[in-house]
mmCIF file of all heavy atoms, coordinates in Angstrom:
data_MODEL
# 
_entry.id   MODEL 
# 
loop_
_atom_site.group_PDB 
_atom_site.id 
_atom_site.type_symbol 
_atom_site.label_atom_id 
_atom_site.label_alt_id 
_atom_site.label_comp_id 
_atom_site.label_asym_id 
_atom_site.label_entity_id 
_atom_site.label_seq_id 
_atom_site.pdbx_PDB_ins_code 
_atom_site.Cartn_x 
_atom_site.Cartn_y 
_atom_site.Cartn_z 
_atom_site.occupancy 
_atom_site.B_iso_or_equiv 
_atom_site.pdbx_formal_charge 
_atom_site.auth_seq_id 
_atom_site.auth_comp_id 
_atom_site.auth_asym_id 
_atom_site.auth_atom_id 
_atom_site.pdbx_PDB_model_num 
ATOM 1   N N   . TYR A 1 1  ? 0.824  -1.203 0.000   1.00 0.00 ? 1  TYR A N   1 
ATOM 2   C CA  . TYR A 1 1  ? 0.000  0.000  0.000   1.00 0.00 ? 1  TYR A CA  1 
ATOM 3   C C   . TYR A 1 1  ? 0.865  1.263  0.000   1.00 0.00 ? 1  TYR A C   1 
ATOM 4   O O   . TYR A 1 1  ? 0.491  2.283  -0.581  1.00 0.00 ? 1  TYR A O   1 
ATOM 5   C CB  . TYR A 1 1  ? -0.929 0.000  1.207   1.00 0.00 ? 1  TYR A CB  1 
ATOM 6   C CG  . TYR A 1 1  ? -2.024 -1.044 1.146   1.00 0.00 ? 1  TYR A CG  1 
ATOM 7   C CD1 . TYR A 1 1  ? -2.863 -1.288 2.230   1.00 0.00 ? 1  TYR A CD1 1 
ATOM 8   C CD2 . TYR A 1 1  ? -2.210 -1.809 -0.007  1.00 0.00 ? 1  TYR A CD2 1 
ATOM 9   C CE1 . TYR A 1 1  ? -3.866 -2.246 2.169   1.00 0.00 ? 1  TYR A CE1 1 
ATOM 10  C CE2 . TYR A 1 1  ? -3.196 -2.770 -0.064  1.00 0.00 ? 1  TYR A CE2 1 
ATOM 11  C CZ  . TYR A 1 1  ? -4.030 -2.987 1.022   1.00 0.00 ? 1  TYR A CZ  1 
ATOM 12  O OH  . TYR A 1 1  ? -5.008 -3.933 0.950   1.00 0.00 ? 1  TYR A OH  1 
ATOM 13  N N   . ARG A 1 2  ? 2.019  1.196  0.666   1.00 0.00 ? 2  ARG A N   1 
ATOM 14  C CA  . ARG A 1 2  ? 2.908  2.369  0.685   1.00 0.00 ? 2  ARG A CA  1 
ATOM 15  C C   . ARG A 1 2  ? 3.418  2.667  -0.727  1.00 0.00 ? 2  ARG A C   1 
ATOM 16  O O   . ARG A 1 2  ? 3.491  3.836  -1.134  1.00 0.00 ? 2  ARG A O   1 
ATOM 17  C CB  . ARG A 1 2  ? 4.093  2.119  1.628   1.00 0.00 ? 2  ARG A CB  1 
ATOM 18  C CG  . ARG A 1 2  ? 5.061  3.296  1.700   1.00 0.00 ? 2  ARG A CG  1 
ATOM 19  C CD  . ARG A 1 2  ? 6.071  3.117  2.819   1.00 0.00 ? 2  ARG A CD  1 
ATOM 20  N NE  . ARG A 1 2  ? 6.970  2.004  2.555   1.00 0.00 ? 2  ARG A NE  1 
ATOM 21  C CZ  . ARG A 1 2  ? 8.048  2.090  1.766   1.00 0.00 ? 2  ARG A CZ  1 
ATOM 22  N NH1 . ARG A 1 2  ? 8.335  3.234  1.173   1.00 0.00 ? 2  ARG A NH1 1 
ATOM 23  N NH2 . ARG A 1 2  ? 8.830  1.055  1.595   1.00 0.00 ? 2  ARG A NH2 1 
ATOM 24  N N   . ILE A 1 3  ? 3.753  1.618  -1.482  1.00 0.00 ? 3  ILE A N   1 
ATOM 25  C CA  . ILE A 1 3  ? 4.224  1.809  -2.851  1.00 0.00 ? 3  ILE A CA  1 
ATOM 26  C C   . ILE A 1 3  ? 3.093  2.310  -3.748  1.00 0.00 ? 3  ILE A C   1 
ATOM 27  O O   . ILE A 1 3  ? 3.279  3.194  -4.594  1.00 0.00 ? 3  ILE A O   1 
ATOM 28  C CB  . ILE A 1 3  ? 4.821  0.503  -3.407  1.00 0.00 ? 3  ILE A CB  1 
ATOM 29  C CG1 . ILE A 1 3  ? 6.051  0.103  -2.588  1.00 0.00 ? 3  ILE A CG1 1 
ATOM 30  C CG2 . ILE A 1 3  ? 5.198  0.665  -4.877  1.00 0.00 ? 3  ILE A CG2 1 
ATOM 31  C CD1 . ILE A 1 3  ? 7.151  1.132  -2.564  1.00 0.00 ? 3  ILE A CD1 1 
ATOM 32  N N   . LEU A 1 4  ? 1.879  1.771  -3.564  1.00 0.00 ? 4  LEU A N   1 
ATOM 33  C CA  . LEU A 1 4  ? 0.738  2.243  -4.347  1.00 0.00 ? 4  LEU A CA  1 
ATOM 34  C C   . LEU A 1 4  ? 0.479  3.730  -4.078  1.00 0.00 ? 4  LEU A C   1 
ATOM 35  O O   . LEU A 1 4  ? 0.157  4.485  -4.998  1.00 0.00 ? 4  LEU A O   1 
ATOM 36  C CB  . LEU A 1 4  ? -0.514 1.423  -4.016  1.00 0.00 ? 4  LEU A CB  1 
ATOM 37  C CG  . LEU A 1 4  ? -0.557 0.003  -4.562  1.00 0.00 ? 4  LEU A CG  1 
ATOM 38  C CD1 . LEU A 1 4  ? -1.781 -0.740 -4.041  1.00 0.00 ? 4  LEU A CD1 1 
ATOM 39  C CD2 . LEU A 1 4  ? -0.542 -0.010 -6.090  1.00 0.00 ? 4  LEU A CD2 1 
ATOM 40  N N   . GLN A 1 5  ? 0.616  4.145  -2.817  1.00 0.00 ? 5  GLN A N   1 
ATOM 41  C CA  . GLN A 1 5  ? 0.431  5.553  -2.489  1.00 0.00 ? 5  GLN A CA  1 
ATOM 42  C C   . GLN A 1 5  ? 1.489  6.406  -3.171  1.00 0.00 ? 5  GLN A C   1 
ATOM 43  O O   . GLN A 1 5  ? 1.202  7.511  -3.666  1.00 0.00 ? 5  GLN A O   1 
ATOM 44  C CB  . GLN A 1 5  ? 0.502  5.746  -0.973  1.00 0.00 ? 5  GLN A CB  1 
ATOM 45  C CG  . GLN A 1 5  ? 0.220  7.174  -0.518  1.00 0.00 ? 5  GLN A CG  1 
ATOM 46  C CD  . GLN A 1 5  ? -1.198 7.611  -0.835  1.00 0.00 ? 5  GLN A CD  1 
ATOM 47  O OE1 . GLN A 1 5  ? -2.154 6.919  -0.515  1.00 0.00 ? 5  GLN A OE1 1 
ATOM 48  N NE2 . GLN A 1 5  ? -1.352 8.756  -1.484  1.00 0.00 ? 5  GLN A NE2 1 
ATOM 49  N N   . GLU A 1 6  ? 2.724  5.903  -3.212  1.00 0.00 ? 6  GLU A N   1 
ATOM 50  C CA  . GLU A 1 6  ? 3.802  6.633  -3.889  1.00 0.00 ? 6  GLU A CA  1 
ATOM 51  C C   . GLU A 1 6  ? 3.487  6.790  -5.373  1.00 0.00 ? 6  GLU A C   1 
ATOM 52  O O   . GLU A 1 6  ? 3.639  7.877  -5.937  1.00 0.00 ? 6  GLU A O   1 
ATOM 53  C CB  . GLU A 1 6  ? 5.124  5.876  -3.719  1.00 0.00 ? 6  GLU A CB  1 
ATOM 54  C CG  . GLU A 1 6  ? 6.290  6.516  -4.468  1.00 0.00 ? 6  GLU A CG  1 
ATOM 55  C CD  . GLU A 1 6  ? 7.557  5.681  -4.368  1.00 0.00 ? 6  GLU A CD  1 
ATOM 56  O OE1 . GLU A 1 6  ? 7.669  4.854  -3.438  1.00 0.00 ? 6  GLU A OE1 1 
ATOM 57  O OE2 . GLU A 1 6  ? 8.439  5.832  -5.243  1.00 0.00 ? 6  GLU A OE2 1 
ATOM 58  N N   . TRP A 1 7  ? 3.040  5.701  -6.017  1.00 0.00 ? 7  TRP A N   1 
ATOM 59  C CA  . TRP A 1 7  ? 2.702  5.768  -7.448  1.00 0.00 ? 7  TRP A CA  1 
ATOM 60  C C   . TRP A 1 7  ? 1.538  6.730  -7.680  1.00 0.00 ? 7  TRP A C   1 
ATOM 61  O O   . TRP A 1 7  ? 1.521  7.467  -8.662  1.00 0.00 ? 7  TRP A O   1 
ATOM 62  C CB  . TRP A 1 7  ? 2.359  4.371  -7.958  1.00 0.00 ? 7  TRP A CB  1 
ATOM 63  C CG  . TRP A 1 7  ? 3.533  3.444  -7.992  1.00 0.00 ? 7  TRP A CG  1 
ATOM 64  C CD1 . TRP A 1 7  ? 4.849  3.758  -7.825  1.00 0.00 ? 7  TRP A CD1 1 
ATOM 65  C CD2 . TRP A 1 7  ? 3.501  2.022  -8.201  1.00 0.00 ? 7  TRP A CD2 1 
ATOM 66  N NE1 . TRP A 1 7  ? 5.641  2.643  -7.908  1.00 0.00 ? 7  TRP A NE1 1 
ATOM 67  C CE2 . TRP A 1 7  ? 4.843  1.564  -8.148  1.00 0.00 ? 7  TRP A CE2 1 
ATOM 68  C CE3 . TRP A 1 7  ? 2.492  1.095  -8.423  1.00 0.00 ? 7  TRP A CE3 1 
ATOM 69  C CZ2 . TRP A 1 7  ? 5.184  0.221  -8.317  1.00 0.00 ? 7  TRP A CZ2 1 
ATOM 70  C CZ3 . TRP A 1 7  ? 2.822  -0.239 -8.584  1.00 0.00 ? 7  TRP A CZ3 1 
ATOM 71  C CH2 . TRP A 1 7  ? 4.155  -0.676 -8.535  1.00 0.00 ? 7  TRP A CH2 1 
ATOM 72  N N   . LYS A 1 8  ? 0.566  6.715  -6.775  1.00 0.00 ? 8  LYS A N   1 
ATOM 73  C CA  . LYS A 1 8  ? -0.576 7.633  -6.901  1.00 0.00 ? 8  LYS A CA  1 
ATOM 74  C C   . LYS A 1 8  ? -0.111 9.083  -6.780  1.00 0.00 ? 8  LYS A C   1 
ATOM 75  O O   . LYS A 1 8  ? -0.527 9.952  -7.555  1.00 0.00 ? 8  LYS A O   1 
ATOM 76  C CB  . LYS A 1 8  ? -1.610 7.313  -5.828  1.00 0.00 ? 8  LYS A CB  1 
ATOM 77  C CG  . LYS A 1 8  ? -2.817 8.241  -5.829  1.00 0.00 ? 8  LYS A CG  1 
ATOM 78  C CD  . LYS A 1 8  ? -3.810 7.807  -4.766  1.00 0.00 ? 8  LYS A CD  1 
ATOM 79  C CE  . LYS A 1 8  ? -5.014 8.738  -4.741  1.00 0.00 ? 8  LYS A CE  1 
ATOM 80  N NZ  . LYS A 1 8  ? -4.661 10.084 -4.275  1.00 0.00 ? 8  LYS A NZ  1 
ATOM 81  N N   . ASP A 1 9  ? 0.762  9.345  -5.797  1.00 0.00 ? 9  ASP A N   1 
ATOM 82  C CA  . ASP A 1 9  ? 1.271  10.698 -5.604  1.00 0.00 ? 9  ASP A CA  1 
ATOM 83  C C   . ASP A 1 9  ? 2.066  11.189 -6.814  1.00 0.00 ? 9  ASP A C   1 
ATOM 84  O O   . ASP A 1 9  ? 2.097  12.396 -7.100  1.00 0.00 ? 9  ASP A O   1 
ATOM 85  C CB  . ASP A 1 9  ? 2.162  10.756 -4.360  1.00 0.00 ? 9  ASP A CB  1 
ATOM 86  C CG  . ASP A 1 9  ? 1.369  10.533 -3.071  1.00 0.00 ? 9  ASP A CG  1 
ATOM 87  O OD1 . ASP A 1 9  ? 0.128  10.681 -3.112  1.00 0.00 ? 9  ASP A OD1 1 
ATOM 88  O OD2 . ASP A 1 9  ? 1.981  10.201 -2.046  1.00 0.00 ? 9  ASP A OD2 1 
ATOM 89  N N   . LYS A 1 10 ? 2.697  10.249 -7.531  1.00 0.00 ? 10 LYS A N   1 
ATOM 90  C CA  . LYS A 1 10 ? 3.480  10.605 -8.714  1.00 0.00 ? 10 LYS A CA  1 
ATOM 91  C C   . LYS A 1 10 ? 2.595  10.759 -9.960  1.00 0.00 ? 10 LYS A C   1 
ATOM 92  O O   . LYS A 1 10 ? 3.075  11.117 -11.036 1.00 0.00 ? 10 LYS A O   1 
ATOM 93  C CB  . LYS A 1 10 ? 4.541  9.531  -8.987  1.00 0.00 ? 10 LYS A CB  1 
ATOM 94  C CG  . LYS A 1 10 ? 5.607  9.401  -7.907  1.00 0.00 ? 10 LYS A CG  1 
ATOM 95  C CD  . LYS A 1 10 ? 6.533  10.603 -7.872  1.00 0.00 ? 10 LYS A CD  1 
ATOM 96  C CE  . LYS A 1 10 ? 7.635  10.419 -6.849  1.00 0.00 ? 10 LYS A CE  1 
ATOM 97  N NZ  . LYS A 1 10 ? 8.550  11.585 -6.807  1.00 0.00 ? 10 LYS A NZ  1 
ATOM 98  N N   . GLY A 1 11 ? 1.298  10.454 -9.806  1.00 0.00 ? 11 GLY A N   1 
ATOM 99  C CA  . GLY A 1 11 ? 0.383  10.576 -10.946 1.00 0.00 ? 11 GLY A CA  1 
ATOM 100 C C   . GLY A 1 11 ? 0.466  9.419  -11.915 1.00 0.00 ? 11 GLY A C   1 
ATOM 101 O O   . GLY A 1 11 ? 0.057  9.552  -13.074 1.00 0.00 ? 11 GLY A O   1 
ATOM 102 N N   . LEU A 1 12 ? 0.965  8.254  -11.467 1.00 0.00 ? 12 LEU A N   1 
ATOM 103 C CA  . LEU A 1 12 ? 1.090  7.076  -12.329 1.00 0.00 ? 12 LEU A CA  1 
ATOM 104 C C   . LEU A 1 12 ? -0.221 6.291  -12.272 1.00 0.00 ? 12 LEU A C   1 
ATOM 105 O O   . LEU A 1 12 ? -0.681 5.929  -11.191 1.00 0.00 ? 12 LEU A O   1 
ATOM 106 C CB  . LEU A 1 12 ? 2.258  6.204  -11.857 1.00 0.00 ? 12 LEU A CB  1 
ATOM 107 C CG  . LEU A 1 12 ? 3.575  6.947  -11.600 1.00 0.00 ? 12 LEU A CG  1 
ATOM 108 C CD1 . LEU A 1 12 ? 4.616  5.984  -11.057 1.00 0.00 ? 12 LEU A CD1 1 
ATOM 109 C CD2 . LEU A 1 12 ? 4.079  7.609  -12.876 1.00 0.00 ? 12 LEU A CD2 1 
ATOM 110 N N   . LYS A 1 13 ? -0.790 6.005  -13.435 1.00 0.00 ? 13 LYS A N   1 
ATOM 111 C CA  . LYS A 1 13 ? -2.116 5.367  -13.434 1.00 0.00 ? 13 LYS A CA  1 
ATOM 112 C C   . LYS A 1 13 ? -2.211 4.149  -14.331 1.00 0.00 ? 13 LYS A C   1 
ATOM 113 O O   . LYS A 1 13 ? -3.278 3.534  -14.416 1.00 0.00 ? 13 LYS A O   1 
ATOM 114 C CB  . LYS A 1 13 ? -3.191 6.383  -13.843 1.00 0.00 ? 13 LYS A CB  1 
ATOM 115 C CG  . LYS A 1 13 ? -3.375 7.516  -12.843 1.00 0.00 ? 13 LYS A CG  1 
ATOM 116 C CD  . LYS A 1 13 ? -4.535 8.412  -13.229 1.00 0.00 ? 13 LYS A CD  1 
ATOM 117 C CE  . LYS A 1 13 ? -4.748 9.514  -12.210 1.00 0.00 ? 13 LYS A CE  1 
ATOM 118 N NZ  . LYS A 1 13 ? -5.887 10.393 -12.557 1.00 0.00 ? 13 LYS A NZ  1 
ATOM 119 N N   . ASP A 1 14 ? -1.131 3.784  -15.051 1.00 0.00 ? 14 ASP A N   1 
ATOM 120 C CA  . ASP A 1 14 ? -1.205 2.602  -15.899 1.00 0.00 ? 14 ASP A CA  1 
ATOM 121 C C   . ASP A 1 14 ? 0.127  1.855  -15.856 1.00 0.00 ? 14 ASP A C   1 
ATOM 122 O O   . ASP A 1 14 ? 1.113  2.322  -15.281 1.00 0.00 ? 14 ASP A O   1 
ATOM 123 C CB  . ASP A 1 14 ? -1.581 2.961  -17.346 1.00 0.00 ? 14 ASP A CB  1 
ATOM 124 C CG  . ASP A 1 14 ? -0.631 3.990  -17.955 1.00 0.00 ? 14 ASP A CG  1 
ATOM 125 O OD1 . ASP A 1 14 ? 0.604  3.812  -17.842 1.00 0.00 ? 14 ASP A OD1 1 
ATOM 126 O OD2 . ASP A 1 14 ? -1.116 4.970  -18.544 1.00 0.00 ? 14 ASP A OD2 1 
ATOM 127 N N   . VAL A 1 15 ? 0.151  0.680  -16.460 1.00 0.00 ? 15 VAL A N   1 
ATOM 128 C CA  . VAL A 1 15 ? 1.314  -0.195 -16.387 1.00 0.00 ? 15 VAL A CA  1 
ATOM 129 C C   . VAL A 1 15 ? 2.541  0.448  -17.018 1.00 0.00 ? 15 VAL A C   1 
ATOM 130 O O   . VAL A 1 15 ? 3.648  0.374  -16.470 1.00 0.00 ? 15 VAL A O   1 
ATOM 131 C CB  . VAL A 1 15 ? 1.007  -1.546 -17.072 1.00 0.00 ? 15 VAL A CB  1 
ATOM 132 C CG1 . VAL A 1 15 ? 2.274  -2.388 -17.188 1.00 0.00 ? 15 VAL A CG1 1 
ATOM 133 C CG2 . VAL A 1 15 ? -0.041 -2.308 -16.283 1.00 0.00 ? 15 VAL A CG2 1 
ATOM 134 N N   . ASP A 1 16 ? 2.372  1.081  -18.166 1.00 0.00 ? 16 ASP A N   1 
ATOM 135 C CA  . ASP A 1 16 ? 3.523  1.680  -18.855 1.00 0.00 ? 16 ASP A CA  1 
ATOM 136 C C   . ASP A 1 16 ? 4.161  2.779  -18.004 1.00 0.00 ? 16 ASP A C   1 
ATOM 137 O O   . ASP A 1 16 ? 5.392  2.853  -17.889 1.00 0.00 ? 16 ASP A O   1 
ATOM 138 C CB  . ASP A 1 16 ? 3.092  2.256  -20.208 1.00 0.00 ? 16 ASP A CB  1 
ATOM 139 C CG  . ASP A 1 16 ? 2.781  1.163  -21.218 1.00 0.00 ? 16 ASP A CG  1 
ATOM 140 O OD1 . ASP A 1 16 ? 3.260  0.029  -21.010 1.00 0.00 ? 16 ASP A OD1 1 
ATOM 141 O OD2 . ASP A 1 16 ? 2.072  1.429  -22.193 1.00 0.00 ? 16 ASP A OD2 1 
ATOM 142 N N   . ALA A 1 17 ? 3.336  3.627  -17.400 1.00 0.00 ? 17 ALA A N   1 
ATOM 143 C CA  . ALA A 1 17 ? 3.865  4.719  -16.577 1.00 0.00 ? 17 ALA A CA  1 
ATOM 144 C C   . ALA A 1 17 ? 4.595  4.174  -15.356 1.00 0.00 ? 17 ALA A C   1 
ATOM 145 O O   . ALA A 1 17 ? 5.676  4.648  -14.996 1.00 0.00 ? 17 ALA A O   1 
ATOM 146 C CB  . ALA A 1 17 ? 2.729  5.646  -16.146 1.00 0.00 ? 17 ALA A CB  1 
ATOM 147 N N   . VAL A 1 18 ? 3.999  3.152  -14.716 1.00 0.00 ? 18 VAL A N   1 
ATOM 148 C CA  . VAL A 1 18 ? 4.636  2.551  -13.546 1.00 0.00 ? 18 VAL A CA  1 
ATOM 149 C C   . VAL A 1 18 ? 5.943  1.871  -13.922 1.00 0.00 ? 18 VAL A C   1 
ATOM 150 O O   . VAL A 1 18 ? 6.956  2.000  -13.237 1.00 0.00 ? 18 VAL A O   1 
ATOM 151 C CB  . VAL A 1 18 ? 3.675  1.551  -12.871 1.00 0.00 ? 18 VAL A CB  1 
ATOM 152 C CG1 . VAL A 1 18 ? 4.399  0.737  -11.812 1.00 0.00 ? 18 VAL A CG1 1 
ATOM 153 C CG2 . VAL A 1 18 ? 2.493  2.281  -12.246 1.00 0.00 ? 18 VAL A CG2 1 
ATOM 154 N N   . THR A 1 19 ? 5.942  1.138  -15.045 1.00 0.00 ? 19 THR A N   1 
ATOM 155 C CA  . THR A 1 19 ? 7.142  0.427  -15.485 1.00 0.00 ? 19 THR A CA  1 
ATOM 156 C C   . THR A 1 19 ? 8.277  1.404  -15.772 1.00 0.00 ? 19 THR A C   1 
ATOM 157 O O   . THR A 1 19 ? 9.426  1.189  -15.364 1.00 0.00 ? 19 THR A O   1 
ATOM 158 C CB  . THR A 1 19 ? 6.844  -0.403 -16.742 1.00 0.00 ? 19 THR A CB  1 
ATOM 159 O OG1 . THR A 1 19 ? 5.819  -1.361 -16.445 1.00 0.00 ? 19 THR A OG1 1 
ATOM 160 C CG2 . THR A 1 19 ? 8.093  -1.149 -17.203 1.00 0.00 ? 19 THR A CG2 1 
ATOM 161 N N   . ASP A 1 20 ? 7.975  2.493  -16.474 1.00 0.00 ? 20 ASP A N   1 
ATOM 162 C CA  . ASP A 1 20 ? 9.000  3.493  -16.776 1.00 0.00 ? 20 ASP A CA  1 
ATOM 163 C C   . ASP A 1 20 ? 9.556  4.101  -15.486 1.00 0.00 ? 20 ASP A C   1 
ATOM 164 O O   . ASP A 1 20 ? 10.764 4.320  -15.356 1.00 0.00 ? 20 ASP A O   1 
ATOM 165 C CB  . ASP A 1 20 ? 8.420  4.605  -17.659 1.00 0.00 ? 20 ASP A CB  1 
ATOM 166 C CG  . ASP A 1 20 ? 8.098  4.116  -19.066 1.00 0.00 ? 20 ASP A CG  1 
ATOM 167 O OD1 . ASP A 1 20 ? 8.639  3.057  -19.455 1.00 0.00 ? 20 ASP A OD1 1 
ATOM 168 O OD2 . ASP A 1 20 ? 7.325  4.779  -19.770 1.00 0.00 ? 20 ASP A OD2 1 
ATOM 169 N N   . TYR A 1 21 ? 8.669  4.367  -14.533 1.00 0.00 ? 21 TYR A N   1 
ATOM 170 C CA  . TYR A 1 21 ? 9.100  4.955  -13.260 1.00 0.00 ? 21 TYR A CA  1 
ATOM 171 C C   . TYR A 1 21 ? 9.989  3.993  -12.484 1.00 0.00 ? 21 TYR A C   1 
ATOM 172 O O   . TYR A 1 21 ? 11.039 4.373  -11.950 1.00 0.00 ? 21 TYR A O   1 
ATOM 173 C CB  . TYR A 1 21 ? 7.871  5.330  -12.440 1.00 0.00 ? 21 TYR A CB  1 
ATOM 174 C CG  . TYR A 1 21 ? 8.170  5.841  -11.058 1.00 0.00 ? 21 TYR A CG  1 
ATOM 175 C CD1 . TYR A 1 21 ? 8.742  7.099  -10.862 1.00 0.00 ? 21 TYR A CD1 1 
ATOM 176 C CD2 . TYR A 1 21 ? 7.885  5.070  -9.928  1.00 0.00 ? 21 TYR A CD2 1 
ATOM 177 C CE1 . TYR A 1 21 ? 9.017  7.571  -9.587  1.00 0.00 ? 21 TYR A CE1 1 
ATOM 178 C CE2 . TYR A 1 21 ? 8.158  5.537  -8.661  1.00 0.00 ? 21 TYR A CE2 1 
ATOM 179 C CZ  . TYR A 1 21 ? 8.720  6.787  -8.486  1.00 0.00 ? 21 TYR A CZ  1 
ATOM 180 O OH  . TYR A 1 21 ? 8.995  7.246  -7.228  1.00 0.00 ? 21 TYR A OH  1 
ATOM 181 N N   . VAL A 1 22 ? 9.584  2.705  -12.441 1.00 0.00 ? 22 VAL A N   1 
ATOM 182 C CA  . VAL A 1 22 ? 10.363 1.694  -11.714 1.00 0.00 ? 22 VAL A CA  1 
ATOM 183 C C   . VAL A 1 22 ? 11.736 1.512  -12.348 1.00 0.00 ? 22 VAL A C   1 
ATOM 184 O O   . VAL A 1 22 ? 12.753 1.449  -11.657 1.00 0.00 ? 22 VAL A O   1 
ATOM 185 C CB  . VAL A 1 22 ? 9.597  0.353  -11.694 1.00 0.00 ? 22 VAL A CB  1 
ATOM 186 C CG1 . VAL A 1 22 ? 10.494 -0.775 -11.188 1.00 0.00 ? 22 VAL A CG1 1 
ATOM 187 C CG2 . VAL A 1 22 ? 8.356  0.459  -10.811 1.00 0.00 ? 22 VAL A CG2 1 
ATOM 188 N N   . GLU A 1 23 ? 11.773 1.442  -13.681 1.00 0.00 ? 23 GLU A N   1 
ATOM 189 C CA  . GLU A 1 23 ? 13.051 1.258  -14.364 1.00 0.00 ? 23 GLU A CA  1 
ATOM 190 C C   . GLU A 1 23 ? 13.971 2.464  -14.143 1.00 0.00 ? 23 GLU A C   1 
ATOM 191 O O   . GLU A 1 23 ? 15.186 2.312  -13.977 1.00 0.00 ? 23 GLU A O   1 
ATOM 192 C CB  . GLU A 1 23 ? 12.823 1.036  -15.857 1.00 0.00 ? 23 GLU A CB  1 
ATOM 193 C CG  . GLU A 1 23 ? 12.191 -0.302 -16.175 1.00 0.00 ? 23 GLU A CG  1 
ATOM 194 C CD  . GLU A 1 23 ? 12.036 -0.519 -17.673 1.00 0.00 ? 23 GLU A CD  1 
ATOM 195 O OE1 . GLU A 1 23 ? 12.233 0.448  -18.439 1.00 0.00 ? 23 GLU A OE1 1 
ATOM 196 O OE2 . GLU A 1 23 ? 11.721 -1.652 -18.068 1.00 0.00 ? 23 GLU A OE2 1 
ATOM 197 N N   . ALA A 1 24 ? 13.397 3.662  -14.121 1.00 0.00 ? 24 ALA A N   1 
ATOM 198 C CA  . ALA A 1 24 ? 14.207 4.870  -13.897 1.00 0.00 ? 24 ALA A CA  1 
ATOM 199 C C   . ALA A 1 24 ? 14.790 4.860  -12.481 1.00 0.00 ? 24 ALA A C   1 
ATOM 200 O O   . ALA A 1 24 ? 15.952 5.215  -12.279 1.00 0.00 ? 24 ALA A O   1 
ATOM 201 C CB  . ALA A 1 24 ? 13.360 6.111  -14.113 1.00 0.00 ? 24 ALA A CB  1 
ATOM 202 N N   . ARG A 1 25 ? 14.004 4.450  -11.496 1.00 0.00 ? 25 ARG A N   1 
ATOM 203 C CA  . ARG A 1 25 ? 14.487 4.388  -10.124 1.00 0.00 ? 25 ARG A CA  1 
ATOM 204 C C   . ARG A 1 25 ? 15.573 3.332  -9.959  1.00 0.00 ? 25 ARG A C   1 
ATOM 205 O O   . ARG A 1 25 ? 16.575 3.563  -9.304  1.00 0.00 ? 25 ARG A O   1 
ATOM 206 C CB  . ARG A 1 25 ? 13.335 4.088  -9.164  1.00 0.00 ? 25 ARG A CB  1 
ATOM 207 C CG  . ARG A 1 25 ? 12.341 5.223  -9.004  1.00 0.00 ? 25 ARG A CG  1 
ATOM 208 C CD  . ARG A 1 25 ? 11.477 5.019  -7.784  1.00 0.00 ? 25 ARG A CD  1 
ATOM 209 N NE  . ARG A 1 25 ? 12.284 5.040  -6.585  1.00 0.00 ? 25 ARG A NE  1 
ATOM 210 C CZ  . ARG A 1 25 ? 11.786 4.837  -5.356  1.00 0.00 ? 25 ARG A CZ  1 
ATOM 211 N NH1 . ARG A 1 25 ? 10.509 4.617  -5.200  1.00 0.00 ? 25 ARG A NH1 1 
ATOM 212 N NH2 . ARG A 1 25 ? 12.573 4.849  -4.303  1.00 0.00 ? 25 ARG A NH2 1 
ATOM 213 N N   . GLU A 1 26 ? 15.347 2.167  -10.565 1.00 0.00 ? 26 GLU A N   1 
ATOM 214 C CA  . GLU A 1 26 ? 16.336 1.108  -10.443 1.00 0.00 ? 26 GLU A CA  1 
ATOM 215 C C   . GLU A 1 26 ? 17.618 1.465  -11.177 1.00 0.00 ? 26 GLU A C   1 
ATOM 216 O O   . GLU A 1 26 ? 18.708 1.072  -10.766 1.00 0.00 ? 26 GLU A O   1 
ATOM 217 C CB  . GLU A 1 26 ? 15.756 -0.206 -10.970 1.00 0.00 ? 26 GLU A CB  1 
ATOM 218 C CG  . GLU A 1 26 ? 14.651 -0.750 -10.079 1.00 0.00 ? 26 GLU A CG  1 
ATOM 219 C CD  . GLU A 1 26 ? 14.041 -2.018 -10.616 1.00 0.00 ? 26 GLU A CD  1 
ATOM 220 O OE1 . GLU A 1 26 ? 14.350 -2.351 -11.779 1.00 0.00 ? 26 GLU A OE1 1 
ATOM 221 O OE2 . GLU A 1 26 ? 13.288 -2.660 -9.884  1.00 0.00 ? 26 GLU A OE2 1 
# 
């Protein structure tokens, strides 16, 4: 839930946006 809240705060709403964000962080 903490990670979902982080993604929500970043305005990420679909798989592509989340994947790009995760890859950038890693």
